[in-house]
Amino acid sequence: MSARLSFHEELEKLHQNLLKMGTMVEEAIHLSVKSLAERNEDLALQVIHHDDEIDGLYLDLEKECFRLIALQQPMAGDLRRIATVLKVVTDLERMADHAVSIAKATVRLKNEQYVKPLIDIPKMAGLAQSMVRDALKAYIDQDLPKCYQIGKEDHQVDALYKEIYNELIGIMQEKPETVNQGTQFLFVAHYLERIGDHATNLAEWVIYLVTGKLEELND
């Protein structure tokens, strides 16, 4: 087996492990918000405990990227692919951290009756999760139009965040006894807004992978 063939097999393994991490992160986002909506502490703890596995995969991927750069001295196209993996896994790891923070909010609120049914937060989570899924598919297909669509979808997430923020501030002003719960929900909405930003970053890194150019989708 030639060294070049072996190198491309290693690149393919890197690619597959990135997609594995992406699937795990997408599931963590889904389960964290599901745990909050259902006040399900078991689901929340599942997200928290599984974060170590995501962190381990992140560190393995980061190490492998540096190893390939150091030992293989890849040329421009392959180097860009490895650099893209490094950036994408960093954004994925941060999304997983936000999912854990949402799960921890579930644990804090497990004994409370919510002041209102959760409608907009799950809706916001669905949008953010869809952006992550689409960004990973854009990475697989090197689909530039999908990347630009993700940038537009992030505006929807931001708009929902503002609606949720304003509504919760109004509730807390009217009912001071809801401040603790309202604050937790504000944090959750903020975490989801950040997940949307990281998904947009993924789309930007796909654009870089395909074109070699760094482009801001939301400036």
Protein backbone atom coordinates (compact mmCIF):
# COMPACT_ATOMS: atom_id res chain seq x y z
CA MET A 1 0.00 0.00 0.00
CA SER A 2 1.43 3.39 -0.99
CA ALA A 3 1.94 6.11 1.59
CA ARG A 4 -0.43 8.36 -0.37
CA LEU A 5 -3.20 5.78 -0.36
CA SER A 6 -2.74 5.29 3.37
CA PHE A 7 -2.91 9.05 3.90
CA HIS A 8 -6.22 9.32 2.05
CA GLU A 9 -7.61 6.44 4.07
CA GLU A 10 -6.64 8.34 7.21
CA LEU A 11 -8.38 11.43 5.86
CA GLU A 12 -11.52 9.38 5.22
CA LYS A 13 -11.41 8.01 8.78
CA LEU A 14 -11.08 11.59 10.04
CA HIS A 15 -14.13 12.54 7.97
CA GLN A 16 -16.19 9.62 9.32
CA ASN A 17 -15.31 10.39 12.94
CA LEU A 18 -16.27 14.03 12.44
CA LEU A 19 -19.69 12.90 11.18
CA LYS A 20 -20.00 10.54 14.16
CA MET A 21 -19.30 13.44 16.52
CA GLY A 22 -21.80 15.61 14.65
CA THR A 23 -24.53 12.99 15.04
CA MET A 24 -23.80 12.70 18.77
CA VAL A 25 -23.96 16.48 19.21
CA GLU A 26 -27.23 16.75 17.28
CA GLU A 27 -28.72 14.06 19.52
CA ALA A 28 -27.46 15.84 22.66
CA ILE A 29 -29.22 19.05 21.58
CA HIS A 30 -32.44 17.16 20.89
CA LEU A 31 -32.40 15.27 24.21
CA SER A 32 -31.47 18.31 26.28
CA VAL A 33 -34.49 20.31 25.08
CA LYS A 34 -36.74 17.24 25.28
CA SER A 35 -35.64 16.79 28.90
CA LEU A 36 -36.52 20.41 29.63
CA ALA A 37 -39.92 20.30 27.91
CA GLU A 38 -40.85 17.05 29.69
CA ARG A 39 -39.10 17.88 33.00
CA ASN A 40 -37.28 14.57 32.56
CA GLU A 41 -34.25 14.47 34.83
CA ASP A 42 -33.13 11.05 33.55
CA LEU A 43 -32.82 12.38 30.01
CA ALA A 44 -30.96 15.43 31.28
CA LEU A 45 -28.46 13.28 33.18
CA GLN A 46 -27.99 11.14 30.07
CA VAL A 47 -26.92 14.24 28.13
CA ILE A 48 -24.58 15.33 30.92
CA HIS A 49 -22.93 11.92 31.29
CA HIS A 50 -22.49 11.36 27.54
CA ASP A 51 -20.63 14.65 27.18
CA ASP A 52 -17.41 12.94 28.26
CA GLU A 53 -17.69 10.69 25.20
CA ILE A 54 -18.10 13.70 22.92
CA ASP A 55 -15.16 15.45 24.57
CA GLY A 56 -13.04 12.33 24.13
CA LEU A 57 -13.88 12.11 20.43
CA TYR A 58 -13.12 15.81 20.04
CA LEU A 59 -9.67 15.41 21.59
CA ASP A 60 -8.95 12.34 19.45
CA LEU A 61 -9.91 14.21 16.29
CA GLU A 62 -7.85 17.25 17.24
CA LYS A 63 -4.82 15.05 17.98
CA GLU A 64 -5.22 13.17 14.70
CA CYS A 65 -5.40 16.43 12.73
CA PHE A 66 -2.15 17.67 14.23
CA ARG A 67 -0.52 14.27 13.68
CA LEU A 68 -1.46 14.25 9.99
CA ILE A 69 -0.20 17.79 9.50
CA ALA A 70 3.11 17.03 11.23
CA LEU A 71 3.83 13.65 9.64
CA GLN A 72 2.22 13.90 6.20
CA GLN A 73 2.90 17.57 5.37
CA PRO A 74 -0.28 17.70 3.24
CA MET A 75 -0.54 19.87 0.14
CA ALA A 76 -3.02 22.75 -0.19
CA GLY A 77 -6.29 20.85 -0.75
CA ASP A 78 -5.67 18.19 1.87
CA LEU A 79 -4.33 20.74 4.33
CA ARG A 80 -7.52 22.78 3.90
CA ARG A 81 -9.59 19.69 4.57
CA ILE A 82 -7.72 18.95 7.80
CA ALA A 83 -7.95 22.59 8.88
CA THR A 84 -11.70 22.47 8.24
CA VAL A 85 -12.06 19.38 10.43
CA LEU A 86 -10.16 21.15 13.23
CA LYS A 87 -12.50 24.14 13.07
CA VAL A 88 -15.71 22.11 12.69
CA VAL A 89 -15.00 19.82 15.65
CA THR A 90 -14.28 22.86 17.83
CA ASP A 91 -17.71 24.31 17.01
CA LEU A 92 -19.35 20.91 17.58
CA GLU A 93 -17.70 20.57 21.00
CA ARG A 94 -19.01 23.98 22.03
CA MET A 95 -22.52 23.04 20.89
CA ALA A 96 -22.31 19.94 23.06
CA ASP A 97 -21.35 22.13 26.01
CA HIS A 98 -24.45 24.25 25.42
CA ALA A 99 -26.60 21.10 25.32
CA VAL A 100 -25.15 20.11 28.70
CA SER A 101 -25.98 23.56 30.07
CA ILE A 102 -29.60 23.13 28.91
CA ALA A 103 -29.72 19.70 30.59
CA LYS A 104 -28.42 21.24 33.81
CA ALA A 105 -31.26 23.78 33.65
CA THR A 106 -33.67 20.83 33.51
CA VAL A 107 -32.14 19.44 36.70
CA ARG A 108 -32.46 22.82 38.43
CA LEU A 109 -36.13 23.15 37.43
CA LYS A 110 -37.19 19.53 37.88
CA ASN A 111 -39.50 20.24 40.84
CA GLU A 112 -41.10 23.40 39.46
CA GLN A 113 -44.34 23.88 37.56
CA TYR A 114 -43.55 26.00 34.51
CA VAL A 115 -45.19 29.41 34.37
CA LYS A 116 -46.30 28.70 30.80
CA PRO A 117 -46.15 25.81 28.32
CA LEU A 118 -42.84 25.61 26.49
CA ILE A 119 -43.63 26.34 22.84
CA ASP A 120 -41.09 28.78 21.44
CA ILE A 121 -38.02 27.22 23.10
CA PRO A 122 -38.65 23.78 21.51
CA LYS A 123 -39.41 25.55 18.22
CA MET A 124 -36.12 27.43 18.46
CA ALA A 125 -34.33 24.18 19.33
CA GLY A 126 -35.87 22.47 16.29
CA LEU A 127 -34.54 25.21 14.02
CA ALA A 128 -31.08 25.09 15.58
CA GLN A 129 -30.97 21.30 15.38
CA SER A 130 -32.04 21.42 11.73
CA MET A 131 -29.24 23.90 11.02
CA VAL A 132 -26.68 21.53 12.56
CA ARG A 133 -28.03 18.61 10.52
CA ASP A 134 -28.02 20.67 7.31
CA ALA A 135 -24.48 21.92 7.98
CA LEU A 136 -23.22 18.36 8.36
CA LYS A 137 -25.00 17.35 5.15
CA ALA A 138 -23.49 20.38 3.40
CA TYR A 139 -20.09 19.18 4.60
CA ILE A 140 -20.70 15.71 3.15
CA ASP A 141 -22.04 17.04 -0.17
CA GLN A 142 -19.88 20.20 -0.28
CA ASP A 143 -23.18 21.99 -0.94
CA LEU A 144 -22.63 25.75 -1.11
CA PRO A 145 -26.32 26.77 -1.62
CA LYS A 146 -27.23 24.87 1.55
CA CYS A 147 -24.53 26.80 3.43
CA TYR A 148 -26.06 30.13 2.40
CA GLN A 149 -29.51 28.86 3.36
CA ILE A 150 -28.19 28.06 6.87
CA GLY A 151 -27.04 31.66 7.18
CA LYS A 152 -30.61 32.81 6.47
CA GLU A 153 -32.06 30.32 8.95
CA ASP A 154 -29.87 31.77 11.68
CA HIS A 155 -31.84 35.00 11.37
CA GLN A 156 -34.97 33.02 12.29
CA VAL A 157 -33.26 31.65 15.39
CA ASP A 158 -32.17 35.16 16.38
CA ALA A 159 -35.70 36.50 15.88
CA LEU A 160 -37.17 33.75 18.08
CA TYR A 161 -34.57 34.47 20.73
CA LYS A 162 -35.65 38.12 20.85
CA GLU A 163 -39.32 37.09 21.14
CA ILE A 164 -38.56 34.67 23.97
CA TYR A 165 -36.36 37.22 25.72
CA ASN A 166 -39.00 39.95 25.61
CA GLU A 167 -41.78 37.60 26.73
CA LEU A 168 -39.79 36.25 29.68
CA ILE A 169 -38.72 39.72 30.80
CA GLY A 170 -42.40 40.74 30.75
CA ILE A 171 -43.45 37.71 32.81
CA MET A 172 -40.71 38.30 35.40
CA GLN A 173 -41.64 41.96 35.73
CA GLU A 174 -45.28 41.08 36.25
CA LYS A 175 -44.60 38.11 38.54
CA PRO A 176 -41.35 38.56 40.50
CA GLU A 177 -41.73 35.07 41.98
CA THR A 178 -40.92 33.65 38.52
CA VAL A 179 -37.50 35.31 38.30
CA ASN A 180 -35.50 32.17 39.03
CA GLN A 181 -37.38 30.07 36.48
CA GLY A 182 -37.47 32.88 33.94
CA THR A 183 -33.73 33.37 34.26
CA GLN A 184 -33.13 29.68 33.58
CA PHE A 185 -35.27 29.85 30.45
CA LEU A 186 -33.40 32.97 29.33
CA PHE A 187 -30.14 31.06 29.66
CA VAL A 188 -31.59 28.16 27.66
CA ALA A 189 -32.71 30.48 24.86
CA HIS A 190 -29.24 32.03 24.85
CA TYR A 191 -27.60 28.61 24.58
CA LEU A 192 -29.82 27.76 21.62
CA GLU A 193 -29.00 31.07 19.97
CA ARG A 194 -25.29 30.25 20.36
CA ILE A 195 -25.87 26.77 18.87
CA GLY A 196 -27.37 28.50 15.84
CA ASP A 197 -24.26 30.68 15.60
CA HIS A 198 -21.99 27.64 15.76
CA ALA A 199 -24.06 25.89 13.07
CA THR A 200 -23.56 28.98 10.92
CA ASN A 201 -19.83 28.69 11.60
CA LEU A 202 -19.96 25.12 10.30
CA ALA A 203 -21.52 26.39 7.08
CA GLU A 204 -18.78 29.01 6.78
CA TRP A 205 -16.11 26.32 7.17
CA VAL A 206 -17.73 24.27 4.42
CA ILE A 207 -17.53 27.31 2.16
CA TYR A 208 -13.84 27.58 3.07
CA LEU A 209 -13.32 23.88 2.34
CA VAL A 210 -14.86 24.19 -1.11
CA THR A 211 -13.59 27.62 -2.20
CA GLY A 212 -10.57 28.33 -0.01
CA LYS A 213 -12.19 31.63 0.97
CA LEU A 214 -13.30 32.76 4.44
CA GLU A 215 -16.79 34.24 4.23
CA GLU A 216 -19.02 35.71 6.95
CA LEU A 217 -22.61 34.54 6.53
CA ASN A 218 -23.90 36.81 9.30
CA ASP A 219 -21.86 39.94 9.87
